[in-house]
Every structure is written in C-alpha cells, then in structure tokens.
Amino acid sequence: MKAQRDQFLESLFHEAERDESITLITVDMGAPALDLWRKHLPKQVISAGISEQNAINVAAGMSASGRNPYVYFMACWAARCLEQIRYSCAMAGNEITILGNGVGLGYAPAGPAHEPTDDLMYLLSIEGIQVISPSSNEMTRYLVSETLSSRKLRYIRLERSIPEEVDSIAGNSFAKERSLFPRTLKFTKSSGNMNVAIITSGYLLGRAFKVAQVLEKNSFGVVVVDIPLLPIPPKTLAKILGAPDIVLVLEEQYSPGGFYYQVLHALNLIPFKGKIVEVGLDSAYIFDNGVRDDLLDRFGLSIENIVSKVL
C-alpha cells in the first residue's frame, strides 16, 4: 500500500499536468513521487533545499501572484517556519497548502527531533488555518481535488504508514460521504453497561478499534468517531455523537492546546454533559528507542491503559 505522501503527490501530479498554475515546492531531497515531478514537470517543481522558511515565503509570493503552490516537508519541521506561515500566509491572506509527512511518532525511532507530538498546538494557534489528518488513502486522494476547488491556508498531516484495517474501514466510510466532517466508523449498542464514544484520527484509529473490542466484551456500547478536520464543527459532532455517557479522546500529542482541547471546545459548545476522558502521550519528549507501536505502548497509549482509564 502506497504511503499517503505518494498518494497525494501522484494525484496532484496528474492535476498539474493539466494546470500550469500548480507548483510543488519541496524541502525533501528524495522520494519516488518527487522524481516523477522532476522528470516530467521540471518547471512546476522547486527544490528549496533545507530551507523551510524560504519555501513558505516563496509559496506565499506565488499565491499572491495567482499561482497555486504546495509546500512539502517532514512534519517535524513545521515549527521552523511558524512565523512565515503566520505573517506571510495567514495575515497576508495568501492561501497555500502545506504537506507535513510523518506525524506523531511516525518517524520513530529517529528521536524527538523527528517526532512532532506537539504540532497541533502551535499550528492551530494560527488564525484561519485548517488542519487535516486524513485517515485513509481514499481521503488523501480526495484532498487534492478539495485543495484545488476550495483555496484556503491548510496544513495536511500525512501518515508515513497507517494500519490496513484503518485504511479499509475509514476509506469505505469516506467513499460514501466524501466529507471531512466527523464520521462514525464503528457502532455497537450497549448490552447493559454505559455508552462510550471514542474520538481520534489517523494512526490511532487502529488502537480505537482494539479498545472498542475490549469494551464491547465488557458490555459497553461503543461508537468510534474519526475527526480529520480541525477546528471541529460542533453541530456536526453533536449529530453523530448522540448522548454517550463517556467521551474518550485518544491523541498522539502531549501538549495543552492539542487534539483534546479542540474536542473539549467543541463539546463545550454543544454542550456535552457526560464524562470526558483523555489519553495521550505521558512524556513531553521521548528519547527512548523503539518502533511506533512499542513507544505508544510504553508512553501511555497501550490498549490496557486506555481501557483502564475508561473502566
């Protein structure tokens, strides 16, 4: 299965063949999808080198002159160009699409410098930005047409890999609705215990499904909700949530102001009267070696720990 990065860049390439205004600015030095651009559309791809700040400023200038720029780099480097995103894009009204690859612990075991576990906090501090975390390749490809038809300042958080079960379930659900609004991916009625709504996105949906299985065996009713788009539309969330006894929020972040606080804000506007439980990463910066699932287990997001918080 192709990575979300390759799905997006290849789909965008085919659009760029028909539209000369589309330009890809890349900070990454090498990837098969980038080779495709360099070989066939050399006038529509710019290799900026290790220069994220300059890449954003160039993209802002292109947007101001009528072009449609996309900037691609590893998600961990978004913090380097936060000032340029704020001043050159948000304040100046220049609409660009930023692609950040390898969110959360996706680049484990490269260490905390390569693992953006706080990107939602600082990106969502920018007025007017949309942050999107696609949960399937189907949604990733759709985002190409969405960004072309509706120009906005966007940051798209791409997973290096995603569990096949997640891609299948989320992809089938998305194919029916074709919307970035919150959606229900799994629903089980209670057989005697309380009802739990599990809210998350991206890679952690795989853990959400496993937690749901355990809770179902304990007679809980469970609904798993995928929220790819931030900020969250409260009315849409209220419609699909119903009235669960517990909302469980899973996030691969550690900072205040992240995914949990976006959910909390939306629930406050509904308003929601039940219990809210958040499970995220325990540690601010993870220096331990290990693959992604191993680190998630060690730092607070094991299936056992998540279930125990609900119980």
Protein backbone atom coordinates (compact mmCIF):
# COMPACT_ATOMS: atom_id res chain seq x y z
CA MET A 1 0.00 0.00 0.00
CA LYS A 2 1.43 3.38 -1.00
CA ALA A 3 2.18 5.96 1.67
CA GLN A 4 -0.16 8.92 1.99
CA ARG A 5 2.62 11.21 0.75
CA ASP A 6 2.91 9.29 -2.52
CA GLN A 7 -0.86 9.05 -2.90
CA PHE A 8 -1.21 12.82 -2.59
CA LEU A 9 1.79 13.88 -4.69
CA GLU A 10 0.99 11.46 -7.53
CA SER A 11 -2.64 12.59 -7.64
CA LEU A 12 -1.52 16.23 -7.57
CA PHE A 13 0.96 15.49 -10.38
CA HIS A 14 -1.85 14.40 -12.71
CA GLU A 15 -3.73 17.61 -11.95
CA ALA A 16 -0.58 19.66 -12.54
CA GLU A 17 -0.18 18.12 -15.99
CA ARG A 18 -3.43 19.94 -16.91
CA ASP A 19 -2.93 23.07 -14.81
CA GLU A 20 0.31 25.04 -15.08
CA SER A 21 -0.57 27.18 -12.06
CA ILE A 22 0.10 24.25 -9.72
CA THR A 23 3.64 24.34 -8.30
CA LEU A 24 5.24 21.95 -5.83
CA ILE A 25 7.94 23.35 -3.53
CA THR A 26 9.80 20.55 -1.80
CA VAL A 27 12.22 20.59 1.10
CA ASP A 28 12.61 16.79 1.00
CA MET A 29 15.58 15.74 -1.12
CA GLY A 30 14.35 12.37 -2.35
CA ALA A 31 11.17 10.34 -2.84
CA PRO A 32 9.76 8.40 -5.83
CA ALA A 33 6.80 10.77 -6.11
CA LEU A 34 9.19 13.74 -6.27
CA ASP A 35 11.23 12.06 -9.00
CA LEU A 36 8.05 11.90 -11.09
CA TRP A 37 7.64 15.67 -10.83
CA ARG A 38 11.30 16.41 -11.55
CA LYS A 39 11.33 14.22 -14.63
CA HIS A 40 8.06 15.25 -16.28
CA LEU A 41 7.19 18.69 -14.82
CA PRO A 42 10.56 20.32 -14.07
CA LYS A 43 9.13 23.84 -14.49
CA GLN A 44 6.46 23.19 -11.84
CA VAL A 45 8.66 21.82 -9.05
CA ILE A 46 11.14 23.76 -6.93
CA SER A 47 13.70 22.04 -4.71
CA ALA A 48 14.17 24.52 -1.88
CA GLY A 49 16.79 22.51 -0.03
CA ILE A 50 16.79 22.52 3.76
CA SER A 51 15.06 25.88 3.86
CA GLU A 52 11.51 25.59 5.16
CA GLN A 53 11.17 29.29 5.97
CA ASN A 54 12.16 30.33 2.47
CA ALA A 55 9.88 27.66 0.96
CA ILE A 56 6.87 29.16 2.76
CA ASN A 57 7.77 32.71 1.72
CA VAL A 58 8.23 31.67 -1.93
CA ALA A 59 4.86 29.88 -1.79
CA ALA A 60 3.21 32.97 -0.31
CA GLY A 61 4.60 35.10 -3.13
CA MET A 62 3.37 32.61 -5.72
CA SER A 63 -0.09 32.60 -4.16
CA ALA A 64 -0.17 36.39 -4.23
CA SER A 65 0.68 36.32 -7.95
CA GLY A 66 -2.09 33.86 -8.84
CA ARG A 67 -0.32 30.52 -8.74
CA ASN A 68 -1.42 27.54 -6.64
CA PRO A 69 1.56 26.44 -4.51
CA TYR A 70 2.01 23.32 -2.41
CA VAL A 71 4.88 23.02 0.08
CA TYR A 72 6.08 19.59 1.14
CA PHE A 73 8.41 18.72 4.03
CA MET A 74 8.71 16.42 7.04
CA ALA A 75 6.05 17.36 9.58
CA CYS A 76 8.61 17.86 12.33
CA TRP A 77 9.99 20.92 10.52
CA ALA A 78 6.70 22.85 10.54
CA ALA A 79 7.81 24.57 13.73
CA ARG A 80 10.79 26.07 11.88
CA CYS A 81 8.55 28.17 9.65
CA LEU A 82 5.69 29.05 12.00
CA GLU A 83 6.48 32.75 11.73
CA GLN A 84 6.34 32.66 7.92
CA ILE A 85 3.03 30.75 7.97
CA ARG A 86 1.59 33.36 10.34
CA TYR A 87 2.87 36.55 8.71
CA SER A 88 3.36 35.69 5.03
CA CYS A 89 0.28 33.48 4.68
CA ALA A 90 -2.36 33.96 7.40
CA MET A 91 -2.05 37.72 7.92
CA ALA A 92 -1.39 38.47 4.25
CA GLY A 93 -4.26 36.29 3.05
CA ASN A 94 -2.06 34.07 0.88
CA GLU A 95 -3.67 30.63 0.52
CA ILE A 96 -1.18 27.77 0.32
CA THR A 97 -1.32 24.05 1.07
CA ILE A 98 1.38 22.69 3.37
CA LEU A 99 2.04 18.95 3.41
CA GLY A 100 3.71 17.60 6.55
CA ASN A 101 4.85 13.98 6.32
CA GLY A 102 5.40 11.67 9.29
CA VAL A 103 3.17 12.96 12.09
CA GLY A 104 3.18 11.81 15.71
CA LEU A 105 5.69 9.03 16.26
CA GLY A 106 5.72 8.14 12.57
CA TYR A 107 9.48 8.61 12.28
CA ALA A 108 10.32 6.55 15.35
CA PRO A 109 12.99 5.58 16.30
CA ALA A 110 14.64 8.74 14.91
CA GLY A 111 14.10 10.55 18.22
CA PRO A 112 12.04 13.54 19.39
CA ALA A 113 13.50 15.99 16.87
CA HIS A 114 11.79 13.97 14.12
CA GLU A 115 8.56 13.24 16.02
CA PRO A 116 6.06 16.14 16.00
CA THR A 117 3.99 15.35 19.08
CA ASP A 118 3.05 18.99 19.61
CA ASP A 119 2.33 20.27 16.09
CA LEU A 120 -1.43 20.63 16.60
CA MET A 121 -0.85 23.04 19.48
CA TYR A 122 1.26 25.54 17.57
CA LEU A 123 -0.36 25.21 14.13
CA LEU A 124 -3.87 25.71 15.47
CA SER A 125 -2.73 28.91 17.18
CA ILE A 126 -2.70 30.49 13.70
CA GLU A 127 -5.93 32.28 12.84
CA GLY A 128 -7.87 30.82 9.93
CA ILE A 129 -5.73 27.74 9.24
CA GLN A 130 -7.32 24.36 8.56
CA VAL A 131 -5.51 21.29 9.85
CA ILE A 132 -6.43 17.96 8.24
CA SER A 133 -5.32 14.46 9.28
CA PRO A 134 -6.53 12.01 6.60
CA SER A 135 -7.35 8.54 7.88
CA SER A 136 -7.25 6.69 4.55
CA ASN A 137 -5.71 6.80 1.10
CA GLU A 138 -9.19 7.46 -0.28
CA MET A 139 -9.41 10.64 1.78
CA THR A 140 -5.83 11.60 0.92
CA ARG A 141 -6.54 11.50 -2.81
CA TYR A 142 -9.76 13.47 -2.29
CA LEU A 143 -7.80 16.23 -0.57
CA VAL A 144 -6.10 17.02 -3.88
CA SER A 145 -9.41 17.97 -5.52
CA GLU A 146 -10.57 19.68 -2.32
CA THR A 147 -7.49 21.92 -2.12
CA LEU A 148 -7.80 22.79 -5.80
CA SER A 149 -11.50 23.61 -5.76
CA SER A 150 -11.52 25.48 -2.44
CA ARG A 151 -8.40 27.56 -1.80
CA LYS A 152 -7.52 28.06 1.89
CA LEU A 153 -4.49 28.11 4.15
CA ARG A 154 -4.20 24.43 5.01
CA TYR A 155 -1.83 22.10 6.80
CA ILE A 156 -2.28 18.43 5.85
CA ARG A 157 -0.76 15.91 8.28
CA LEU A 158 0.30 12.83 6.33
CA GLU A 159 0.98 9.45 7.95
CA ARG A 160 4.08 7.54 6.91
CA SER A 161 2.04 4.36 7.32
CA ILE A 162 -1.44 3.52 8.53
CA PRO A 163 -2.91 0.15 9.62
CA GLU A 164 -4.62 -1.64 6.72
CA GLU A 165 -7.76 -2.15 8.81
CA VAL A 166 -7.98 1.60 9.40
CA ASP A 167 -7.44 2.40 5.72
CA SER A 168 -10.13 -0.09 4.72
CA ILE A 169 -12.81 0.94 7.24
CA ALA A 170 -12.15 4.68 7.04
CA GLY A 171 -11.77 4.57 3.26
CA ASN A 172 -15.08 2.75 2.73
CA SER A 173 -16.87 5.17 5.05
CA PHE A 174 -15.36 8.21 3.35
CA ALA A 175 -16.25 6.92 -0.12
CA LYS A 176 -19.94 7.08 0.86
CA GLU A 177 -19.95 10.61 2.28
CA ARG A 178 -17.00 12.46 0.66
CA SER A 179 -16.85 14.92 3.53
CA LEU A 180 -14.14 15.92 6.01
CA PHE A 181 -16.66 16.33 8.80
CA PRO A 182 -16.60 13.89 11.77
CA ARG A 183 -17.87 10.43 10.88
CA THR A 184 -18.81 7.25 12.72
CA LEU A 185 -16.64 4.27 11.76
CA LYS A 186 -17.98 1.72 14.25
CA PHE A 187 -21.15 1.44 16.33
CA THR A 188 -22.27 -1.13 18.90
CA LYS A 189 -25.28 -0.83 21.18
CA SER A 190 -24.82 -1.27 24.92
CA SER A 191 -25.83 -4.61 26.37
CA GLY A 192 -26.02 -3.47 29.97
CA ASN A 193 -23.20 -1.04 30.63
CA MET A 194 -22.60 2.59 29.64
CA ASN A 195 -22.09 4.02 26.17
CA VAL A 196 -18.64 5.24 25.17
CA ALA A 197 -17.72 7.43 22.20
CA ILE A 198 -14.06 7.08 21.19
CA ILE A 199 -12.81 10.15 19.31
CA THR A 200 -9.49 10.20 17.46
CA SER A 201 -7.96 10.36 13.98
CA GLY A 202 -5.26 8.90 11.75
CA TYR A 203 -3.00 6.15 13.04
CA LEU A 204 -4.67 5.92 16.45
CA LEU A 205 -7.92 4.74 14.88
CA GLY A 206 -6.29 1.31 14.85
CA ARG A 207 -6.00 1.46 18.64
CA ALA A 208 -9.52 2.83 18.91
CA PHE A 209 -10.91 -0.27 17.15
CA LYS A 210 -8.99 -2.57 19.52
CA VAL A 211 -10.16 -0.66 22.58
CA ALA A 212 -13.73 -0.85 21.25
CA GLN A 213 -13.48 -4.65 21.02
CA VAL A 214 -12.41 -4.90 24.67
CA LEU A 215 -15.15 -2.54 25.85
CA GLU A 216 -17.78 -4.42 23.87
CA LYS A 217 -16.79 -7.62 25.68
CA ASN A 218 -17.45 -5.72 28.91
CA SER A 219 -20.99 -4.86 27.74
CA PHE A 220 -20.26 -1.24 26.81
CA GLY A 221 -21.91 0.37 23.84
CA VAL A 222 -19.21 1.89 21.67
CA VAL A 223 -19.04 4.36 18.82
CA VAL A 224 -15.70 5.17 17.13
CA VAL A 225 -15.55 8.66 15.63
CA ASP A 226 -12.94 9.85 13.14
CA ILE A 227 -12.26 13.60 13.19
CA PRO A 228 -9.92 14.51 10.32
CA LEU A 229 -10.67 18.25 10.20
CA LEU A 230 -9.71 20.84 12.80
CA PRO A 231 -11.24 23.13 14.03
CA ILE A 232 -14.19 20.81 14.69
CA PRO A 233 -17.72 21.81 13.57
CA PRO A 234 -19.67 21.40 16.87
CA LYS A 235 -23.12 20.86 15.32
CA THR A 236 -21.87 18.02 13.12
CA LEU A 237 -20.10 16.40 16.07
CA ALA A 238 -23.26 16.65 18.20
CA LYS A 239 -25.33 15.00 15.47
CA ILE A 240 -23.15 11.89 15.19
CA LEU A 241 -22.25 11.56 18.89
CA GLY A 242 -25.76 11.28 20.25
CA ALA A 243 -25.66 11.20 24.05
CA PRO A 244 -22.87 8.88 25.24
CA ASP A 245 -22.08 8.55 28.95
CA ILE A 246 -18.35 8.87 28.28
CA VAL A 247 -16.32 10.55 25.55
CA LEU A 248 -12.85 9.04 25.27
CA VAL A 249 -10.31 11.17 23.37
CA LEU A 250 -7.14 9.50 22.06
CA GLU A 251 -4.28 11.67 20.80
CA GLU A 252 -0.66 11.13 19.83
CA GLN A 253 0.23 14.50 21.34
CA TYR A 254 1.35 15.67 24.75
CA SER A 255 0.82 19.42 24.83
CA PRO A 256 -2.07 21.52 26.07
CA GLY A 257 -3.84 23.03 23.10
CA GLY A 258 -3.72 19.84 21.03
CA PHE A 259 -6.42 17.49 19.75
CA TYR A 260 -8.06 17.00 23.17
CA TYR A 261 -8.57 20.73 23.64
CA GLN A 262 -10.13 21.04 20.20
CA VAL A 263 -12.60 18.27 21.13
CA LEU A 264 -13.19 19.84 24.55
CA HIS A 265 -14.01 23.19 22.96
CA ALA A 266 -16.48 21.60 20.52
CA LEU A 267 -18.16 19.58 23.30
CA ASN A 268 -18.49 22.72 25.41
CA LEU A 269 -20.36 24.43 22.57
CA ILE A 270 -22.79 21.50 22.09
CA PRO A 271 -22.90 21.35 25.23
CA PHE A 272 -21.98 17.85 26.46
CA LYS A 273 -22.93 16.78 29.99
CA GLY A 274 -21.20 13.40 30.28
CA LYS A 275 -17.73 12.35 31.39
CA ILE A 276 -14.70 13.21 29.23
CA VAL A 277 -11.57 11.07 29.41
CA GLU A 278 -8.33 11.98 27.60
CA VAL A 279 -5.47 9.59 26.91
CA GLY A 280 -2.35 10.97 25.24
CA LEU A 281 1.39 10.60 25.49
CA ASP A 282 2.80 10.63 29.03
CA SER A 283 6.18 12.12 28.21
CA ALA A 284 6.96 15.51 26.71
CA TYR A 285 9.92 14.31 24.65
CA ILE A 286 10.57 10.63 24.01
CA PHE A 287 14.25 9.79 23.76
CA ASP A 288 13.73 6.01 24.07
CA ASN A 289 14.46 3.83 21.07
CA GLY A 290 11.65 1.76 19.63
CA VAL A 291 9.20 1.46 16.76
CA ARG A 292 5.98 3.45 16.86
CA ASP A 293 3.69 0.84 18.41
CA ASP A 294 6.28 -0.03 21.03
CA LEU A 295 6.62 3.62 22.08
CA LEU A 296 2.86 4.10 22.13
CA ASP A 297 2.59 1.12 24.49
CA ARG A 298 5.35 2.44 26.74
CA PHE A 299 4.19 6.03 26.96
CA GLY A 300 0.51 5.88 27.85
CA LEU A 301 -1.36 4.65 24.79
CA SER A 302 -1.35 0.90 25.32
CA ILE A 303 -4.70 -0.84 24.89
CA GLU A 304 -4.60 -1.89 28.55
CA ASN A 305 -4.00 1.64 29.83
CA ILE A 306 -6.70 3.15 27.62
CA VAL A 307 -9.28 0.58 28.74
CA SER A 308 -8.34 1.04 32.39
CA LYS A 309 -8.96 4.78 32.11
CA VAL A 310 -12.49 4.09 30.84
CA LEU A 311 -13.20 1.48 33.50
